[in-house]
């Protein structure tokens, strides 16, 4: 297969915010998900020390805060963030329109 298209608007969101795209796209080398946070909502605080997964966050709409090991970073479209596996992270919507982003992750070799 050379390519596959998925319309994220047609993907059912888990817990109302999390759209798993990896299997739908047929991706095998990394994971990819879209998250849509309502205004003021927060994603799950977590790390990936156990599975050694690096993550990149790509904002699509709105503004958000990325809390990494106690530091707060502002995210908006055009500002892309990388977080290493051992760091604790949480994303929070900080704009009136909420915050939509894509998370791409893969385990370190």
PDB file of N, CA and C in Angstrom:
ATOM      1  N   UNK A   1       0.849  -1.171   0.000  1.00  0.00           N
ATOM      2  CA  UNK A   1       0.000   0.000   0.000  1.00  0.00           C
ATOM      3  C   UNK A   1       0.898   1.239   0.000  1.00  0.00           C
ATOM      4  N   UNK A   2       0.687   2.149  -0.912  1.00  0.00           N
ATOM      5  CA  UNK A   2       1.501   3.355  -1.038  1.00  0.00           C
ATOM      6  C   UNK A   2       1.026   4.478  -0.125  1.00  0.00           C
ATOM      7  N   UNK A   3      -0.275   4.552   0.148  1.00  0.00           N
ATOM      8  CA  UNK A   3      -0.795   5.613   1.008  1.00  0.00           C
ATOM      9  C   UNK A   3      -2.178   5.224   1.507  1.00  0.00           C
ATOM     10  N   UNK A   4      -2.645   5.951   2.511  1.00  0.00           N
ATOM     11  CA  UNK A   4      -4.002   5.773   3.012  1.00  0.00           C
ATOM     12  C   UNK A   4      -4.453   7.091   3.607  1.00  0.00           C
ATOM     13  N   UNK A   5      -5.679   7.467   3.360  1.00  0.00           N
ATOM     14  CA  UNK A   5      -6.252   8.688   3.915  1.00  0.00           C
ATOM     15  C   UNK A   5      -7.280   8.325   4.978  1.00  0.00           C
ATOM     16  N   UNK A   6      -7.293   9.092   6.051  1.00  0.00           N
ATOM     17  CA  UNK A   6      -8.298   8.943   7.103  1.00  0.00           C
ATOM     18  C   UNK A   6      -8.837  10.332   7.406  1.00  0.00           C
ATOM     19  N   UNK A   7     -10.152  10.464   7.418  1.00  0.00           N
ATOM     20  CA  UNK A   7     -10.780  11.726   7.796  1.00  0.00           C
ATOM     21  C   UNK A   7     -10.992  11.689   9.308  1.00  0.00           C
ATOM     22  N   UNK A   8     -10.240  12.487  10.048  1.00  0.00           N
ATOM     23  CA  UNK A   8     -10.311  12.470  11.513  1.00  0.00           C
ATOM     24  C   UNK A   8     -11.703  12.809  12.021  1.00  0.00           C
ATOM     25  N   UNK A   9     -12.488  13.578  11.258  1.00  0.00           N
ATOM     26  CA  UNK A   9     -13.849  13.910  11.671  1.00  0.00           C
ATOM     27  C   UNK A   9     -14.752  12.683  11.701  1.00  0.00           C
ATOM     28  N   UNK A  10     -14.343  11.625  11.009  1.00  0.00           N
ATOM     29  CA  UNK A  10     -15.144  10.400  10.945  1.00  0.00           C
ATOM     30  C   UNK A  10     -14.664   9.331  11.925  1.00  0.00           C
ATOM     31  N   UNK A  11     -13.623   9.626  12.708  1.00  0.00           N
ATOM     32  CA  UNK A  11     -13.077   8.679  13.671  1.00  0.00           C
ATOM     33  C   UNK A  11     -13.744   8.900  15.022  1.00  0.00           C
ATOM     34  N   UNK A  12     -14.271   7.824  15.602  1.00  0.00           N
ATOM     35  CA  UNK A  12     -14.917   7.933  16.916  1.00  0.00           C
ATOM     36  C   UNK A  12     -13.864   8.184  17.994  1.00  0.00           C
ATOM     37  N   UNK A  13     -14.136   9.157  18.833  1.00  0.00           N
ATOM     38  CA  UNK A  13     -13.196   9.525  19.891  1.00  0.00           C
ATOM     39  C   UNK A  13     -13.401   8.653  21.121  1.00  0.00           C
ATOM     40  N   UNK A  14     -12.317   8.115  21.650  1.00  0.00           N
ATOM     41  CA  UNK A  14     -12.354   7.376  22.905  1.00  0.00           C
ATOM     42  C   UNK A  14     -12.356   8.384  24.047  1.00  0.00           C
ATOM     43  N   UNK A  15     -13.166   8.138  25.065  1.00  0.00           N
ATOM     44  CA  UNK A  15     -13.317   9.055  26.211  1.00  0.00           C
ATOM     45  C   UNK A  15     -13.682  10.466  25.742  1.00  0.00           C
ATOM     46  N   UNK A  16     -14.210  10.581  24.526  1.00  0.00           N
ATOM     47  CA  UNK A  16     -14.654  11.865  24.002  1.00  0.00           C
ATOM     48  C   UNK A  16     -13.568  12.779  23.491  1.00  0.00           C
ATOM     49  N   UNK A  17     -12.281  12.378  23.618  1.00  0.00           N
ATOM     50  CA  UNK A  17     -11.197  13.285  23.227  1.00  0.00           C
ATOM     51  C   UNK A  17     -10.105  12.645  22.385  1.00  0.00           C
ATOM     52  N   UNK A  18      -9.935  11.326  22.447  1.00  0.00           N
ATOM     53  CA  UNK A  18      -8.747  10.640  21.930  1.00  0.00           C
ATOM     54  C   UNK A  18      -9.093   9.839  20.672  1.00  0.00           C
ATOM     55  N   UNK A  19      -8.502  10.200  19.543  1.00  0.00           N
ATOM     56  CA  UNK A  19      -8.758   9.504  18.290  1.00  0.00           C
ATOM     57  C   UNK A  19      -7.513   8.701  17.893  1.00  0.00           C
ATOM     58  N   UNK A  20      -7.595   7.383  18.045  1.00  0.00           N
ATOM     59  CA  UNK A  20      -6.491   6.492  17.704  1.00  0.00           C
ATOM     60  C   UNK A  20      -6.411   6.353  16.182  1.00  0.00           C
ATOM     61  N   UNK A  21      -5.285   6.729  15.610  1.00  0.00           N
ATOM     62  CA  UNK A  21      -5.137   6.734  14.152  1.00  0.00           C
ATOM     63  C   UNK A  21      -4.144   5.699  13.631  1.00  0.00           C
ATOM     64  N   UNK A  22      -3.329   5.123  14.498  1.00  0.00           N
ATOM     65  CA  UNK A  22      -2.249   4.236  14.068  1.00  0.00           C
ATOM     66  C   UNK A  22      -2.754   3.092  13.198  1.00  0.00           C
ATOM     67  N   UNK A  23      -3.667   2.284  13.717  1.00  0.00           N
ATOM     68  CA  UNK A  23      -4.168   1.132  12.958  1.00  0.00           C
ATOM     69  C   UNK A  23      -4.979   1.558  11.743  1.00  0.00           C
ATOM     70  N   UNK A  24      -5.770   2.621  11.894  1.00  0.00           N
ATOM     71  CA  UNK A  24      -6.580   3.094  10.761  1.00  0.00           C
ATOM     72  C   UNK A  24      -5.717   3.494   9.570  1.00  0.00           C
ATOM     73  N   UNK A  25      -4.555   4.068   9.865  1.00  0.00           N
ATOM     74  CA  UNK A  25      -3.640   4.479   8.798  1.00  0.00           C
ATOM     75  C   UNK A  25      -2.751   3.340   8.310  1.00  0.00           C
ATOM     76  N   UNK A  26      -2.652   2.263   9.090  1.00  0.00           N
ATOM     77  CA  UNK A  26      -1.789   1.148   8.725  1.00  0.00           C
ATOM     78  C   UNK A  26      -0.337   1.384   9.099  1.00  0.00           C
ATOM     79  N   UNK A  27      -0.086   2.260  10.057  1.00  0.00           N
ATOM     80  CA  UNK A  27       1.275   2.588  10.490  1.00  0.00           C
ATOM     81  C   UNK A  27       1.817   1.461  11.362  1.00  0.00           C
ATOM     82  N   UNK A  28       3.085   1.087  11.142  1.00  0.00           N
ATOM     83  CA  UNK A  28       3.713   0.029  11.929  1.00  0.00           C
ATOM     84  C   UNK A  28       4.934   0.501  12.707  1.00  0.00           C
ATOM     85  N   UNK A  29       5.566   1.604  12.315  1.00  0.00           N
ATOM     86  CA  UNK A  29       6.833   2.024  12.906  1.00  0.00           C
ATOM     87  C   UNK A  29       6.679   2.974  14.092  1.00  0.00           C
ATOM     88  N   UNK A  30       5.489   3.568  14.265  1.00  0.00           N
ATOM     89  CA  UNK A  30       5.267   4.523  15.343  1.00  0.00           C
ATOM     90  C   UNK A  30       3.768   4.617  15.591  1.00  0.00           C
ATOM     91  N   UNK A  31       3.383   5.292  16.668  1.00  0.00           N
ATOM     92  CA  UNK A  31       1.972   5.516  16.966  1.00  0.00           C
ATOM     93  C   UNK A  31       1.594   6.946  16.649  1.00  0.00           C
ATOM     94  N   UNK A  32       0.339   7.150  16.282  1.00  0.00           N
ATOM     95  CA  UNK A  32      -0.139   8.502  15.997  1.00  0.00           C
ATOM     96  C   UNK A  32      -1.597   8.610  16.426  1.00  0.00           C
ATOM     97  N   UNK A  33      -1.895   9.678  17.162  1.00  0.00           N
ATOM     98  CA  UNK A  33      -3.235   9.910  17.685  1.00  0.00           C
ATOM     99  C   UNK A  33      -3.564  11.389  17.601  1.00  0.00           C
ATOM    100  N   UNK A  34      -4.851  11.692  17.537  1.00  0.00           N
ATOM    101  CA  UNK A  34      -5.311  13.077  17.607  1.00  0.00           C
ATOM    102  C   UNK A  34      -6.085  13.234  18.905  1.00  0.00           C
ATOM    103  N   UNK A  35      -5.842  14.334  19.594  1.00  0.00           N
ATOM    104  CA  UNK A  35      -6.517  14.609  20.852  1.00  0.00           C
ATOM    105  C   UNK A  35      -7.199  15.968  20.748  1.00  0.00           C
ATOM    106  N   UNK A  36      -8.475  16.020  21.151  1.00  0.00           N
ATOM    107  CA  UNK A  36      -9.252  17.258  21.131  1.00  0.00           C
ATOM    108  C   UNK A  36      -9.695  17.570  22.551  1.00  0.00           C
ATOM    109  N   UNK A  37      -9.045  18.538  23.184  1.00  0.00           N
ATOM    110  CA  UNK A  37      -9.376  18.927  24.552  1.00  0.00           C
ATOM    111  C   UNK A  37     -10.316  20.126  24.538  1.00  0.00           C
ATOM    112  N   UNK A  38     -11.375  20.054  25.337  1.00  0.00           N
ATOM    113  CA  UNK A  38     -12.292  21.179  25.499  1.00  0.00           C
ATOM    114  C   UNK A  38     -11.590  22.282  26.290  1.00  0.00           C
ATOM    115  N   UNK A  39     -12.100  23.513  26.224  1.00  0.00           N
ATOM    116  CA  UNK A  39     -11.484  24.606  26.990  1.00  0.00           C
ATOM    117  C   UNK A  39     -11.288  24.231  28.459  1.00  0.00           C
ATOM    118  N   UNK A  40     -10.071  24.408  28.957  1.00  0.00           N
ATOM    119  CA  UNK A  40      -9.747  24.111  30.347  1.00  0.00           C
ATOM    120  C   UNK A  40      -9.501  22.651  30.668  1.00  0.00           C
ATOM    121  N   UNK A  41      -9.773  21.758  29.720  1.00  0.00           N
ATOM    122  CA  UNK A  41      -9.604  20.319  29.972  1.00  0.00           C
ATOM    123  C   UNK A  41      -8.127  19.938  29.952  1.00  0.00           C
ATOM    124  N   UNK A  42      -7.816  18.874  30.681  1.00  0.00           N
ATOM    125  CA  UNK A  42      -6.446  18.378  30.758  1.00  0.00           C
ATOM    126  C   UNK A  42      -6.386  16.927  30.293  1.00  0.00           C
ATOM    127  N   UNK A  43      -5.317  16.603  29.589  1.00  0.00           N
ATOM    128  CA  UNK A  43      -5.057  15.227  29.209  1.00  0.00           C
ATOM    129  C   UNK A  43      -4.463  14.470  30.388  1.00  0.00           C
ATOM    130  N   UNK A  44      -4.232  13.209  30.196  1.00  0.00           N
ATOM    131  CA  UNK A  44      -3.683  12.339  31.226  1.00  0.00           C
ATOM    132  C   UNK A  44      -2.229  12.700  31.534  1.00  0.00           C
ATOM    133  N   UNK A  45      -1.901  12.858  32.804  1.00  0.00           N
ATOM    134  CA  UNK A  45      -0.506  13.055  33.192  1.00  0.00           C
ATOM    135  C   UNK A  45       0.166  11.685  33.157  1.00  0.00           C
ATOM    136  N   UNK A  46       1.296  11.590  32.446  1.00  0.00           N
ATOM    137  CA  UNK A  46       1.943  10.289  32.286  1.00  0.00           C
ATOM    138  C   UNK A  46       3.401  10.438  31.867  1.00  0.00           C
ATOM    139  N   UNK A  47       4.113   9.325  31.899  1.00  0.00           N
ATOM    140  CA  UNK A  47       5.451   9.241  31.315  1.00  0.00           C
ATOM    141  C   UNK A  47       5.514   7.947  30.526  1.00  0.00           C
ATOM    142  N   UNK A  48       6.641   7.724  29.874  1.00  0.00           N
ATOM    143  CA  UNK A  48       6.833   6.503  29.103  1.00  0.00           C
ATOM    144  C   UNK A  48       8.153   5.838  29.472  1.00  0.00           C
ATOM    145  N   UNK A  49       8.534   5.966  30.744  1.00  0.00           N
ATOM    146  CA  UNK A  49       9.787   5.363  31.202  1.00  0.00           C
ATOM    147  C   UNK A  49       9.770   3.845  30.984  1.00  0.00           C
ATOM    148  N   UNK A  50       8.621   3.222  31.185  1.00  0.00           N
ATOM    149  CA  UNK A  50       8.525   1.768  31.050  1.00  0.00           C
ATOM    150  C   UNK A  50       8.625   1.253  29.632  1.00  0.00           C
ATOM    151  N   UNK A  51       8.064   1.987  28.672  1.00  0.00           N
ATOM    152  CA  UNK A  51       8.081   1.505  27.279  1.00  0.00           C
ATOM    153  C   UNK A  51       9.049   2.283  26.388  1.00  0.00           C
ATOM    154  N   UNK A  52       9.784   3.245  26.982  1.00  0.00           N
ATOM    155  CA  UNK A  52      10.831   3.998  26.289  1.00  0.00           C
ATOM    156  C   UNK A  52      10.323   4.764  25.068  1.00  0.00           C
ATOM    157  N   UNK A  53       9.067   5.195  25.105  1.00  0.00           N
ATOM    158  CA  UNK A  53       8.474   5.895  23.963  1.00  0.00           C
ATOM    159  C   UNK A  53       8.755   7.393  24.008  1.00  0.00           C
ATOM    160  N   UNK A  54       9.313   7.888  22.932  1.00  0.00           N
ATOM    161  CA  UNK A  54       9.466   9.331  22.734  1.00  0.00           C
ATOM    162  C   UNK A  54       8.167   9.839  22.131  1.00  0.00           C
ATOM    163  N   UNK A  55       7.814  11.098  22.421  1.00  0.00           N
ATOM    164  CA  UNK A  55       6.608  11.660  21.833  1.00  0.00           C
ATOM    165  C   UNK A  55       6.871  13.053  21.280  1.00  0.00           C
ATOM    166  N   UNK A  56       6.179  13.347  20.181  1.00  0.00           N
ATOM    167  CA  UNK A  56       6.181  14.676  19.572  1.00  0.00           C
ATOM    168  C   UNK A  56       4.733  15.137  19.526  1.00  0.00           C
ATOM    169  N   UNK A  57       4.505  16.388  19.913  1.00  0.00           N
ATOM    170  CA  UNK A  57       3.167  16.960  19.909  1.00  0.00           C
ATOM    171  C   UNK A  57       3.100  18.065  18.864  1.00  0.00           C
ATOM    172  N   UNK A  58       2.117  17.955  17.962  1.00  0.00           N
ATOM    173  CA  UNK A  58       1.945  18.908  16.866  1.00  0.00           C
ATOM    174  C   UNK A  58       0.583  19.580  17.017  1.00  0.00           C
ATOM    175  N   UNK A  59       0.539  20.820  17.493  1.00  0.00           N
ATOM    176  CA  UNK A  59      -0.727  21.534  17.652  1.00  0.00           C
ATOM    177  C   UNK A  59      -1.391  21.813  16.297  1.00  0.00           C
ATOM    178  N   UNK A  60      -2.713  21.635  16.257  1.00  0.00           N
ATOM    179  CA  UNK A  60      -3.481  21.907  15.040  1.00  0.00           C
ATOM    180  C   UNK A  60      -4.396  23.117  15.194  1.00  0.00           C
ATOM    181  N   UNK A  61      -5.102  23.198  16.345  1.00  0.00           N
ATOM    182  CA  UNK A  61      -6.056  24.279  16.595  1.00  0.00           C
ATOM    183  C   UNK A  61      -6.006  24.685  18.064  1.00  0.00           C
ATOM    184  N   UNK A  62      -6.231  25.961  18.303  1.00  0.00           N
ATOM    185  CA  UNK A  62      -6.278  26.461  19.673  1.00  0.00           C
ATOM    186  C   UNK A  62      -4.896  26.608  20.278  1.00  0.00           C
ATOM    187  N   UNK A  63      -4.890  26.762  21.591  1.00  0.00           N
ATOM    188  CA  UNK A  63      -3.642  26.906  22.348  1.00  0.00           C
ATOM    189  C   UNK A  63      -3.688  25.958  23.536  1.00  0.00           C
ATOM    190  N   UNK A  64      -2.511  25.541  23.963  1.00  0.00           N
ATOM    191  CA  UNK A  64      -2.445  24.660  25.115  1.00  0.00           C
ATOM    192  C   UNK A  64      -1.147  24.841  25.869  1.00  0.00           C
ATOM    193  N   UNK A  65      -1.115  24.233  27.031  1.00  0.00           N
ATOM    194  CA  UNK A  65       0.091  24.206  27.841  1.00  0.00           C
ATOM    195  C   UNK A  65       0.573  22.770  27.934  1.00  0.00           C
ATOM    196  N   UNK A  66       1.863  22.594  27.800  1.00  0.00           N
ATOM    197  CA  UNK A  66       2.498  21.295  27.986  1.00  0.00           C
ATOM    198  C   UNK A  66       3.293  21.380  29.278  1.00  0.00           C
ATOM    199  N   UNK A  67       2.884  20.585  30.262  1.00  0.00           N
ATOM    200  CA  UNK A  67       3.598  20.533  31.537  1.00  0.00           C
ATOM    201  C   UNK A  67       4.578  19.375  31.464  1.00  0.00           C
ATOM    202  N   UNK A  68       5.868  19.697  31.543  1.00  0.00           N
ATOM    203  CA  UNK A  68       6.915  18.674  31.468  1.00  0.00           C
ATOM    204  C   UNK A  68       7.775  18.786  32.710  1.00  0.00           C
ATOM    205  N   UNK A  69       7.727  17.747  33.550  1.00  0.00           N
ATOM    206  CA  UNK A  69       8.528  17.715  34.771  1.00  0.00           C
ATOM    207  C   UNK A  69       8.409  19.009  35.569  1.00  0.00           C
ATOM    208  N   UNK A  70       7.203  19.558  35.665  1.00  0.00           N
ATOM    209  CA  UNK A  70       6.964  20.758  36.453  1.00  0.00           C
ATOM    210  C   UNK A  70       7.127  22.069  35.707  1.00  0.00           C
ATOM    211  N   UNK A  71       7.693  22.044  34.507  1.00  0.00           N
ATOM    212  CA  UNK A  71       7.837  23.253  33.701  1.00  0.00           C
ATOM    213  C   UNK A  71       6.629  23.367  32.772  1.00  0.00           C
ATOM    214  N   UNK A  72       6.147  24.592  32.544  1.00  0.00           N
ATOM    215  CA  UNK A  72       4.987  24.815  31.681  1.00  0.00           C
ATOM    216  C   UNK A  72       5.440  25.487  30.394  1.00  0.00           C
ATOM    217  N   UNK A  73       5.110  24.856  29.266  1.00  0.00           N
ATOM    218  CA  UNK A  73       5.474  25.362  27.945  1.00  0.00           C
ATOM    219  C   UNK A  73       4.200  25.686  27.175  1.00  0.00           C
ATOM    220  N   UNK A  74       4.170  26.811  26.479  1.00  0.00           N
ATOM    221  CA  UNK A  74       3.006  27.204  25.685  1.00  0.00           C
ATOM    222  C   UNK A  74       3.092  26.592  24.295  1.00  0.00           C
ATOM    223  N   UNK A  75       1.984  25.992  23.862  1.00  0.00           N
ATOM    224  CA  UNK A  75       1.919  25.395  22.528  1.00  0.00           C
ATOM    225  C   UNK A  75       0.784  26.031  21.735  1.00  0.00           C
ATOM    226  N   UNK A  76       1.017  26.181  20.447  1.00  0.00           N
ATOM    227  CA  UNK A  76       0.026  26.678  19.500  1.00  0.00           C
ATOM    228  C   UNK A  76       0.459  26.168  18.126  1.00  0.00           C
ATOM    229  N   UNK A  77      -0.417  26.247  17.128  1.00  0.00           N
ATOM    230  CA  UNK A  77      -0.024  25.781  15.805  1.00  0.00           C
ATOM    231  C   UNK A  77       1.291  26.423  15.357  1.00  0.00           C
ATOM    232  N   UNK A  78       2.197  25.600  14.872  1.00  0.00           N
ATOM    233  CA  UNK A  78       3.515  26.053  14.439  1.00  0.00           C
ATOM    234  C   UNK A  78       4.601  25.808  15.477  1.00  0.00           C
ATOM    235  N   UNK A  79       4.215  25.554  16.733  1.00  0.00           N
ATOM    236  CA  UNK A  79       5.172  25.259  17.804  1.00  0.00           C
ATOM    237  C   UNK A  79       5.053  23.766  18.102  1.00  0.00           C
ATOM    238  N   UNK A  80       6.110  23.021  17.833  1.00  0.00           N
ATOM    239  CA  UNK A  80       6.100  21.562  17.957  1.00  0.00           C
ATOM    240  C   UNK A  80       7.024  21.157  19.098  1.00  0.00           C
ATOM    241  N   UNK A  81       6.563  20.229  19.923  1.00  0.00           N
ATOM    242  CA  UNK A  81       7.313  19.840  21.117  1.00  0.00           C
ATOM    243  C   UNK A  81       7.716  18.369  21.079  1.00  0.00           C
ATOM    244  N   UNK A  82       8.898  18.074  21.589  1.00  0.00           N
ATOM    245  CA  UNK A  82       9.404  16.713  21.787  1.00  0.00           C
ATOM    246  C   UNK A  82       9.531  16.471  23.286  1.00  0.00           C
ATOM    247  N   UNK A  83       9.149  15.272  23.753  1.00  0.00           N
ATOM    248  CA  UNK A  83       9.314  14.909  25.155  1.00  0.00           C
ATOM    249  C   UNK A  83       9.945  13.525  25.221  1.00  0.00           C
ATOM    250  N   UNK A  84      11.005  13.404  26.013  1.00  0.00           N
ATOM    251  CA  UNK A  84      11.706  12.129  26.168  1.00  0.00           C
ATOM    252  C   UNK A  84      10.903  11.173  27.060  1.00  0.00           C
ATOM    253  N   UNK A  85      11.173   9.884  26.968  1.00  0.00           N
ATOM    254  CA  UNK A  85      10.360   8.884  27.667  1.00  0.00           C
ATOM    255  C   UNK A  85      10.259   9.065  29.181  1.00  0.00           C
ATOM    256  N   UNK A  86      11.352   9.431  29.820  1.00  0.00           N
ATOM    257  CA  UNK A  86      11.365   9.486  31.288  1.00  0.00           C
ATOM    258  C   UNK A  86      10.663  10.713  31.872  1.00  0.00           C
ATOM    259  N   UNK A  87      10.370  11.693  31.062  1.00  0.00           N
ATOM    260  CA  UNK A  87       9.743  12.926  31.545  1.00  0.00           C
ATOM    261  C   UNK A  87       8.235  12.759  31.716  1.00  0.00           C
ATOM    262  N   UNK A  88       7.728  13.273  32.833  1.00  0.00           N
ATOM    263  CA  UNK A  88       6.286  13.293  33.076  1.00  0.00           C
ATOM    264  C   UNK A  88       5.704  14.466  32.299  1.00  0.00           C
ATOM    265  N   UNK A  89       4.581  14.201  31.591  1.00  0.00           N
ATOM    266  CA  UNK A  89       3.970  15.236  30.771  1.00  0.00           C
ATOM    267  C   UNK A  89       2.470  15.230  30.893  1.00  0.00           C
ATOM    268  N   UNK A  90       1.880  16.401  30.662  1.00  0.00           N
ATOM    269  CA  UNK A  90       0.429  16.570  30.630  1.00  0.00           C
ATOM    270  C   UNK A  90       0.122  17.771  29.746  1.00  0.00           C
ATOM    271  N   UNK A  91      -0.878  17.631  28.895  1.00  0.00           N
ATOM    272  CA  UNK A  91      -1.310  18.735  28.037  1.00  0.00           C
ATOM    273  C   UNK A  91      -2.640  19.270  28.533  1.00  0.00           C
ATOM    274  N   UNK A  92      -2.780  20.605  28.517  1.00  0.00           N
ATOM    275  CA  UNK A  92      -3.965  21.282  29.026  1.00  0.00           C
ATOM    276  C   UNK A  92      -4.404  22.331  28.011  1.00  0.00           C
ATOM    277  N   UNK A  93      -5.696  22.374  27.697  1.00  0.00           N
ATOM    278  CA  UNK A  93      -6.229  23.387  26.789  1.00  0.00           C
ATOM    279  C   UNK A  93      -6.265  24.733  27.505  1.00  0.00           C
ATOM    280  N   UNK A  94      -5.747  25.771  26.841  1.00  0.00           N
ATOM    281  CA  UNK A  94      -5.708  27.086  27.485  1.00  0.00           C
ATOM    282  C   UNK A  94      -6.401  28.171  26.667  1.00  0.00           C
ATOM    283  N   UNK A  95      -7.114  27.794  25.612  1.00  0.00           N
ATOM    284  CA  UNK A  95      -7.832  28.808  24.834  1.00  0.00           C
ATOM    285  C   UNK A  95      -9.328  28.534  24.885  1.00  0.00           C
ATOM    286  N   UNK A  96     -10.114  29.532  24.570  1.00  0.00           N
ATOM    287  CA  UNK A  96     -11.570  29.402  24.583  1.00  0.00           C
ATOM    288  C   UNK A  96     -12.078  28.380  23.577  1.00  0.00           C
ATOM    289  N   UNK A  97     -11.310  28.128  22.541  1.00  0.00           N
ATOM    290  CA  UNK A  97     -11.726  27.159  21.528  1.00  0.00           C
ATOM    291  C   UNK A  97     -11.216  25.759  21.825  1.00  0.00           C
ATOM    292  N   UNK A  98     -10.538  25.576  22.962  1.00  0.00           N
ATOM    293  CA  UNK A  98      -9.969  24.273  23.294  1.00  0.00           C
ATOM    294  C   UNK A  98      -8.604  24.103  22.643  1.00  0.00           C
ATOM    295  N   UNK A  99      -8.165  22.867  22.549  1.00  0.00           N
ATOM    296  CA  UNK A  99      -6.835  22.578  22.028  1.00  0.00           C
ATOM    297  C   UNK A  99      -6.860  21.231  21.332  1.00  0.00           C
ATOM    298  N   UNK A 100      -6.508  21.223  20.053  1.00  0.00           N
ATOM    299  CA  UNK A 100      -6.437  19.992  19.274  1.00  0.00           C
ATOM    300  C   UNK A 100      -4.999  19.807  18.824  1.00  0.00           C
ATOM    301  N   UNK A 101      -4.471  18.601  19.045  1.00  0.00           N
ATOM    302  CA  UNK A 101      -3.098  18.314  18.654  1.00  0.00           C
ATOM    303  C   UNK A 101      -2.968  16.867  18.204  1.00  0.00           C
ATOM    304  N   UNK A 102      -1.898  16.601  17.475  1.00  0.00           N
ATOM    305  CA  UNK A 102      -1.536  15.252  17.085  1.00  0.00           C
ATOM    306  C   UNK A 102      -0.341  14.844  17.918  1.00  0.00           C
ATOM    307  N   UNK A 103      -0.403  13.619  18.452  1.00  0.00           N
ATOM    308  CA  UNK A 103       0.718  13.057  19.202  1.00  0.00           C
ATOM    309  C   UNK A 103       1.308  11.915  18.392  1.00  0.00           C
ATOM    310  N   UNK A 104       2.610  11.967  18.173  1.00  0.00           N
ATOM    311  CA  UNK A 104       3.330  10.933  17.434  1.00  0.00           C
ATOM    312  C   UNK A 104       4.352  10.336  18.389  1.00  0.00           C
ATOM    313  N   UNK A 105       4.369   9.024  18.511  1.00  0.00           N
ATOM    314  CA  UNK A 105       5.301   8.404  19.447  1.00  0.00           C
ATOM    315  C   UNK A 105       5.885   7.117  18.909  1.00  0.00           C
ATOM    316  N   UNK A 106       7.082   6.832  19.383  1.00  0.00           N
ATOM    317  CA  UNK A 106       7.742   5.590  19.024  1.00  0.00           C
ATOM    318  C   UNK A 106       8.787   5.255  20.068  1.00  0.00           C
ATOM    319  N   UNK A 107       9.038   3.963  20.254  1.00  0.00           N
ATOM    320  CA  UNK A 107      10.004   3.498  21.253  1.00  0.00           C
ATOM    321  C   UNK A 107      11.430   3.704  20.749  1.00  0.00           C
ATOM    322  N   UNK A 108      12.284   4.135  21.662  1.00  0.00           N
ATOM    323  CA  UNK A 108      13.697   4.251  21.341  1.00  0.00           C
ATOM    324  C   UNK A 108      14.266   2.866  21.069  1.00  0.00           C
ATOM    325  N   UNK A 109      15.205   2.768  20.128  1.00  0.00           N
ATOM    326  CA  UNK A 109      15.813   1.451  19.854  1.00  0.00           C
ATOM    327  C   UNK A 109      16.662   0.972  21.012  1.00  0.00           C
TER     328      UNK A 109
END
